[in-house]
């Protein structure tokens, strides 16, 4: 069975003055749900903007469905759809009018039928004649997906598709994304939600300061951390303890996080050591590593130092 790559990234680089936002990225992505994870300022959105031809690379290039993003941008745009992080629906129009506008912009044949099909797939038919301004956040996100799908793209780019949505709306959006993946669409998504990437993505890339730190399935990435995670809720001031096979990782308020070669065996030893320091142990849990743990292991717990995004702030203020 031959797997055809829909996205081929070759030494893709973007500099902003002396800042290297994306550094010689190389990836091959077939028909799959591929996630890009990283802290703010890691280069996720810059990568998507280059792949969608909205930003020119400083060096390197990429191919989307065999079309070069630098040499054949018009052909690339026929193959893709892009749903940005900031809401892009026109709240003065109805749901149907929003989707119809995109159908006509893309020049699809029979735009009325394609509009109805997209609304039906995203379960918006019964609200199609309501103005988008009265849609919930989750409905607006589904409307954006309908806009993106109306011309039947081969590759779909989603930048933080569930940011700001409640749990139920996030689940609904991912149900639709998975339906598209199961139908054979290549989807590249950026997200801050590690649990979503762990549950839904076929593979993920962890990006830090424009560099790819790891690429693999969530399961294989978690297997790289050959230890258990022991969480201890305590009262009192912590000072270092020394236990063979146990390593202190971080402290989050009253919770101490340890990495242990054998979590079950380490629990009573950690408890005794902390109690011996005069601390009160309130609760202890042992679990296998999560994608959050992999992310923190590779990227660390650095404070977000990315510059203030004035454009996003203005868009958010305008919507409010």
Protein backbone atom coordinates (compact mmCIF):
# COMPACT_ATOMS: atom_id res chain seq x y z
CA UNK A 1 0.00 0.00 0.00
CA UNK A 2 1.46 3.37 -1.07
CA UNK A 3 0.91 6.34 1.24
CA UNK A 4 0.77 9.62 -0.67
CA UNK A 5 2.05 12.66 1.16
CA UNK A 6 -0.32 15.64 1.05
CA UNK A 7 2.14 18.01 2.77
CA UNK A 8 5.91 17.93 2.24
CA UNK A 9 7.87 20.56 4.16
CA UNK A 10 11.47 21.18 3.10
CA UNK A 11 13.78 23.29 5.27
CA UNK A 12 10.94 25.75 5.86
CA UNK A 13 12.29 28.85 7.60
CA UNK A 14 10.87 32.21 8.59
CA UNK A 15 12.83 35.07 10.11
CA UNK A 16 11.45 38.30 11.52
CA UNK A 17 14.54 40.47 11.70
CA UNK A 18 16.94 38.73 14.07
CA UNK A 19 14.20 36.40 15.36
CA UNK A 20 13.98 32.95 13.77
CA UNK A 21 10.31 31.99 14.20
CA UNK A 22 10.58 28.72 12.24
CA UNK A 23 13.95 27.06 11.77
CA UNK A 24 14.53 24.67 8.84
CA UNK A 25 11.42 22.58 9.42
CA UNK A 26 11.14 19.24 7.59
CA UNK A 27 7.96 17.14 7.71
CA UNK A 28 6.02 14.70 5.56
CA UNK A 29 2.29 14.48 6.30
CA UNK A 30 -0.05 12.03 4.50
CA UNK A 31 -3.84 11.79 4.89
CA UNK A 32 -3.93 11.94 8.67
CA UNK A 33 -4.83 14.20 11.57
CA UNK A 34 -1.52 15.86 12.40
CA UNK A 35 -1.11 18.12 15.42
CA UNK A 36 1.46 20.84 16.03
CA UNK A 37 1.96 21.53 19.73
CA UNK A 38 4.00 24.26 21.32
CA UNK A 39 3.92 27.20 23.70
CA UNK A 40 2.96 30.69 22.54
CA UNK A 41 5.70 32.05 20.31
CA UNK A 42 6.94 28.60 19.29
CA UNK A 43 6.15 29.12 15.59
CA UNK A 44 2.88 27.19 15.21
CA UNK A 45 0.81 29.94 13.59
CA UNK A 46 3.77 31.17 11.53
CA UNK A 47 4.10 27.65 10.10
CA UNK A 48 0.41 27.51 9.21
CA UNK A 49 0.52 30.97 7.61
CA UNK A 50 3.40 29.87 5.37
CA UNK A 51 1.72 26.61 4.40
CA UNK A 52 -1.49 28.46 3.50
CA UNK A 53 0.49 30.96 1.34
CA UNK A 54 -0.41 33.89 3.61
CA UNK A 55 3.23 34.44 4.60
CA UNK A 56 6.32 33.94 2.45
CA UNK A 57 9.15 31.78 3.80
CA UNK A 58 12.56 33.32 4.33
CA UNK A 59 14.12 30.05 3.15
CA UNK A 60 12.96 26.61 2.10
CA UNK A 61 9.53 25.72 0.80
CA UNK A 62 6.71 23.19 1.05
CA UNK A 63 4.44 21.26 -1.30
CA UNK A 64 0.71 20.92 -0.77
CA UNK A 65 -0.82 18.22 -2.99
CA UNK A 66 2.36 18.46 -5.09
CA UNK A 67 2.03 22.22 -5.61
CA UNK A 68 4.86 24.45 -4.37
CA UNK A 69 3.69 27.13 -1.92
CA UNK A 70 6.18 29.65 -3.33
CA UNK A 71 5.94 28.93 -7.05
CA UNK A 72 2.29 27.84 -7.35
CA UNK A 73 0.33 29.62 -4.57
CA UNK A 74 -2.89 29.87 -6.60
CA UNK A 75 -2.96 26.11 -7.14
CA UNK A 76 -2.23 25.53 -3.45
CA UNK A 77 -5.19 27.71 -2.47
CA UNK A 78 -7.50 25.59 -4.60
CA UNK A 79 -6.48 22.52 -2.61
CA UNK A 80 -6.78 23.87 0.94
CA UNK A 81 -8.99 25.58 3.49
CA UNK A 82 -7.84 27.47 6.55
CA UNK A 83 -9.80 28.20 9.73
CA UNK A 84 -7.82 30.75 11.77
CA UNK A 85 -7.86 31.06 15.53
CA UNK A 86 -9.83 34.31 15.47
CA UNK A 87 -13.49 33.90 14.55
CA UNK A 88 -14.03 34.72 10.87
CA UNK A 89 -17.81 34.65 10.42
CA UNK A 90 -19.76 37.77 9.45
CA UNK A 91 -22.23 38.20 12.29
CA UNK A 92 -24.42 40.46 10.13
CA UNK A 93 -25.24 37.54 7.83
CA UNK A 94 -27.20 34.38 8.42
CA UNK A 95 -25.46 31.04 8.62
CA UNK A 96 -26.57 30.17 5.10
CA UNK A 97 -25.40 33.52 3.73
CA UNK A 98 -21.98 33.07 5.35
CA UNK A 99 -21.45 29.70 3.70
CA UNK A 100 -22.93 30.79 0.38
CA UNK A 101 -20.51 33.72 0.27
CA UNK A 102 -17.56 31.33 0.50
CA UNK A 103 -19.06 29.00 -2.09
CA UNK A 104 -19.30 31.88 -4.52
CA UNK A 105 -15.82 33.17 -3.68
CA UNK A 106 -14.40 29.73 -4.44
CA UNK A 107 -16.43 29.54 -7.65
CA UNK A 108 -17.89 26.12 -6.87
CA UNK A 109 -20.44 24.66 -9.21
CA UNK A 110 -24.00 24.69 -7.84
CA UNK A 111 -23.14 26.86 -4.80
CA UNK A 112 -26.65 26.57 -3.32
CA UNK A 113 -26.46 22.78 -3.13
CA UNK A 114 -22.89 22.79 -1.81
CA UNK A 115 -23.96 25.30 0.84
CA UNK A 116 -26.82 23.09 1.98
CA UNK A 117 -24.54 20.05 2.03
CA UNK A 118 -21.97 21.82 4.20
CA UNK A 119 -24.63 23.10 6.61
CA UNK A 120 -26.09 19.61 6.90
CA UNK A 121 -22.71 17.97 7.58
CA UNK A 122 -22.01 20.46 10.37
CA UNK A 123 -25.55 20.05 11.79
CA UNK A 124 -26.54 23.67 11.19
CA UNK A 125 -29.45 23.25 8.78
CA UNK A 126 -32.12 24.02 11.38
CA UNK A 127 -30.38 27.30 12.29
CA UNK A 128 -29.21 28.24 8.80
CA UNK A 129 -31.53 31.27 8.52
CA UNK A 130 -30.62 32.70 11.93
CA UNK A 131 -28.11 35.54 12.04
CA UNK A 132 -24.63 34.39 13.06
CA UNK A 133 -24.57 37.05 15.78
CA UNK A 134 -26.94 34.94 17.88
CA UNK A 135 -24.95 31.72 17.39
CA UNK A 136 -23.07 30.29 20.35
CA UNK A 137 -19.27 30.07 20.19
CA UNK A 138 -19.44 26.40 19.27
CA UNK A 139 -21.98 27.04 16.51
CA UNK A 140 -19.84 29.82 15.06
CA UNK A 141 -16.88 27.46 14.99
CA UNK A 142 -18.98 24.85 13.18
CA UNK A 143 -20.11 27.56 10.76
CA UNK A 144 -16.46 28.33 10.02
CA UNK A 145 -15.89 24.65 9.30
CA UNK A 146 -18.86 24.69 6.93
CA UNK A 147 -17.32 27.68 5.15
CA UNK A 148 -14.00 25.86 4.92
CA UNK A 149 -15.53 22.66 3.53
CA UNK A 150 -17.89 24.12 0.94
CA UNK A 151 -15.37 23.71 -1.91
CA UNK A 152 -14.30 20.20 -0.85
CA UNK A 153 -10.63 20.86 0.00
CA UNK A 154 -8.03 18.11 0.15
CA UNK A 155 -6.11 19.67 3.05
CA UNK A 156 -7.65 21.49 6.02
CA UNK A 157 -5.67 23.76 8.36
CA UNK A 158 -7.15 24.48 11.79
CA UNK A 159 -5.44 26.96 14.12
CA UNK A 160 -6.59 26.39 17.72
CA UNK A 161 -10.05 25.14 16.62
CA UNK A 162 -11.52 24.80 20.12
CA UNK A 163 -9.89 27.69 21.98
CA UNK A 164 -12.34 29.48 24.25
CA UNK A 165 -15.10 26.88 23.87
CA UNK A 166 -16.74 24.94 26.68
CA UNK A 167 -16.25 21.20 27.08
CA UNK A 168 -19.43 20.21 25.23
CA UNK A 169 -18.66 22.51 22.28
CA UNK A 170 -15.07 21.25 22.11
CA UNK A 171 -16.31 17.65 21.98
CA UNK A 172 -18.75 18.50 19.19
CA UNK A 173 -16.09 20.22 17.10
CA UNK A 174 -13.75 17.24 17.45
CA UNK A 175 -16.52 14.84 16.43
CA UNK A 176 -16.81 16.72 13.15
CA UNK A 177 -13.03 16.90 12.70
CA UNK A 178 -12.74 13.14 13.23
CA UNK A 179 -15.50 12.50 10.70
CA UNK A 180 -13.49 14.46 8.13
CA UNK A 181 -10.32 12.54 9.03
CA UNK A 182 -12.14 9.21 8.72
CA UNK A 183 -13.34 10.27 5.27
CA UNK A 184 -9.71 10.59 4.16
CA UNK A 185 -8.99 14.29 4.54
CA UNK A 186 -5.53 15.51 5.53
CA UNK A 187 -5.93 17.82 8.54
CA UNK A 188 -3.22 19.86 10.25
CA UNK A 189 -4.25 21.35 13.58
CA UNK A 190 -2.50 23.51 16.16
CA UNK A 191 -3.73 23.26 19.74
CA UNK A 192 -2.78 24.12 23.31
CA UNK A 193 -4.99 21.34 24.65
CA UNK A 194 -2.71 18.34 25.19
CA UNK A 195 -5.62 16.07 26.07
CA UNK A 196 -7.18 16.77 22.67
CA UNK A 197 -3.95 16.06 20.81
CA UNK A 198 -3.44 12.87 22.83
CA UNK A 199 -6.95 11.61 22.15
CA UNK A 200 -7.49 12.60 18.52
CA UNK A 201 -4.23 13.17 16.61
CA UNK A 202 -2.60 10.37 14.62
CA UNK A 203 0.79 12.05 15.05
CA UNK A 204 2.03 15.22 16.68
CA UNK A 205 5.06 17.47 16.39
CA UNK A 206 6.26 19.35 19.45
CA UNK A 207 7.61 22.75 18.45
CA UNK A 208 9.79 25.00 20.61
CA UNK A 209 11.37 28.29 19.50
CA UNK A 210 10.81 27.35 15.86
CA UNK A 211 12.49 23.95 16.17
CA UNK A 212 10.80 20.55 16.10
CA UNK A 213 11.74 18.72 19.28
CA UNK A 214 9.89 15.47 18.54
CA UNK A 215 7.50 13.91 15.99
CA UNK A 216 5.60 10.68 16.62
CA UNK A 217 2.29 9.21 17.68
CA UNK A 218 1.11 10.33 21.13
CA UNK A 219 1.50 6.75 22.40
CA UNK A 220 5.12 6.45 21.29
CA UNK A 221 5.98 9.88 22.65
CA UNK A 222 4.63 8.89 26.06
CA UNK A 223 6.64 5.66 25.95
CA UNK A 224 9.81 7.77 25.79
CA UNK A 225 9.26 8.69 29.42
CA UNK A 226 10.07 5.40 31.12
CA UNK A 227 8.83 6.44 34.55
CA UNK A 228 5.67 6.90 36.59
CA UNK A 229 4.43 10.26 37.77
CA UNK A 230 3.73 10.62 41.50
CA UNK A 231 1.69 13.65 42.60
CA UNK A 232 1.69 14.57 46.29
CA UNK A 233 -0.52 17.20 47.88
CA UNK A 234 1.18 18.52 50.99
CA UNK A 235 1.10 21.18 53.66
CA UNK A 236 4.36 22.68 54.79
CA UNK A 237 7.61 23.84 53.22
CA UNK A 238 9.36 21.36 50.94
CA UNK A 239 13.10 20.74 50.89
CA UNK A 240 14.84 18.17 48.74
CA UNK A 241 14.51 14.49 49.56
CA UNK A 242 16.83 11.75 48.31
CA UNK A 243 15.29 8.40 47.36
CA UNK A 244 16.88 5.98 44.85
CA UNK A 245 14.82 5.81 41.66
CA UNK A 246 12.83 8.96 42.52
CA UNK A 247 13.44 12.40 41.01
CA UNK A 248 11.74 15.63 42.03
CA UNK A 249 10.29 17.38 38.95
CA UNK A 250 8.34 20.47 39.94
CA UNK A 251 6.08 22.08 42.53
CA UNK A 252 2.69 23.63 41.76
CA UNK A 253 1.46 25.40 44.89
CA UNK A 254 0.75 22.59 47.38
CA UNK A 255 1.34 19.79 44.85
CA UNK A 256 4.74 18.16 44.44
CA UNK A 257 5.47 16.17 41.27
CA UNK A 258 8.00 13.33 41.31
CA UNK A 259 9.18 10.98 38.58
CA UNK A 260 9.72 7.43 39.81
CA UNK A 261 11.06 4.27 38.18
CA UNK A 262 8.40 2.31 40.11
CA UNK A 263 5.57 4.54 41.24
CA UNK A 264 3.81 2.03 43.48
CA UNK A 265 6.99 1.19 45.37
CA UNK A 266 7.97 4.87 45.63
CA UNK A 267 4.73 6.08 47.23
CA UNK A 268 5.40 4.91 50.84
CA UNK A 269 9.06 6.00 50.59
CA UNK A 270 8.10 9.49 49.44
CA UNK A 271 5.45 9.74 52.14
CA UNK A 272 7.88 8.73 54.89
CA UNK A 273 10.56 11.14 53.63
CA UNK A 274 8.15 14.09 53.47
CA UNK A 275 6.64 13.28 56.85
CA UNK A 276 10.14 13.10 58.26
CA UNK A 277 10.65 16.69 57.15
CA UNK A 278 7.63 17.72 59.16
CA UNK A 279 5.29 18.02 56.18
CA UNK A 280 1.69 16.84 56.22
CA UNK A 281 0.80 14.58 53.27
CA UNK A 282 -2.82 15.18 52.25
CA UNK A 283 -3.09 12.99 49.14
CA UNK A 284 -0.94 10.93 46.77
CA UNK A 285 -1.60 9.61 43.25
CA UNK A 286 0.39 7.54 40.76
CA UNK A 287 -0.20 7.62 37.01
CA UNK A 288 1.47 6.87 33.72
CA UNK A 289 3.04 9.75 31.77
CA UNK A 290 0.69 11.94 29.73
CA UNK A 291 1.35 14.07 26.66
CA UNK A 292 1.52 17.03 29.05
CA UNK A 293 4.46 15.34 30.76
CA UNK A 294 6.19 14.75 27.42
CA UNK A 295 5.62 18.38 26.47
CA UNK A 296 7.03 19.68 29.76
CA UNK A 297 9.96 17.29 29.53
CA UNK A 298 10.89 18.57 26.05
CA UNK A 299 9.93 22.23 26.33
CA UNK A 300 10.13 22.90 30.06
CA UNK A 301 8.01 25.24 32.13
CA UNK A 302 9.23 28.54 30.73
CA UNK A 303 6.95 31.56 31.10
CA UNK A 304 5.36 32.72 27.86
CA UNK A 305 7.65 35.44 26.47
CA UNK A 306 5.97 35.97 23.10
CA UNK A 307 5.16 39.58 22.15
CA UNK A 308 1.71 41.02 22.73
CA UNK A 309 -0.51 40.34 19.71
CA UNK A 310 -2.21 43.68 19.06
CA UNK A 311 -4.20 42.38 16.08
CA UNK A 312 -5.75 39.52 18.08
CA UNK A 313 -6.49 41.91 20.94
CA UNK A 314 -8.31 44.32 18.60
CA UNK A 315 -10.31 41.47 17.04
CA UNK A 316 -11.32 40.17 20.45
CA UNK A 317 -12.25 43.66 21.66
CA UNK A 318 -14.34 44.24 18.54
CA UNK A 319 -16.26 40.99 19.08
CA UNK A 320 -16.92 41.95 22.70
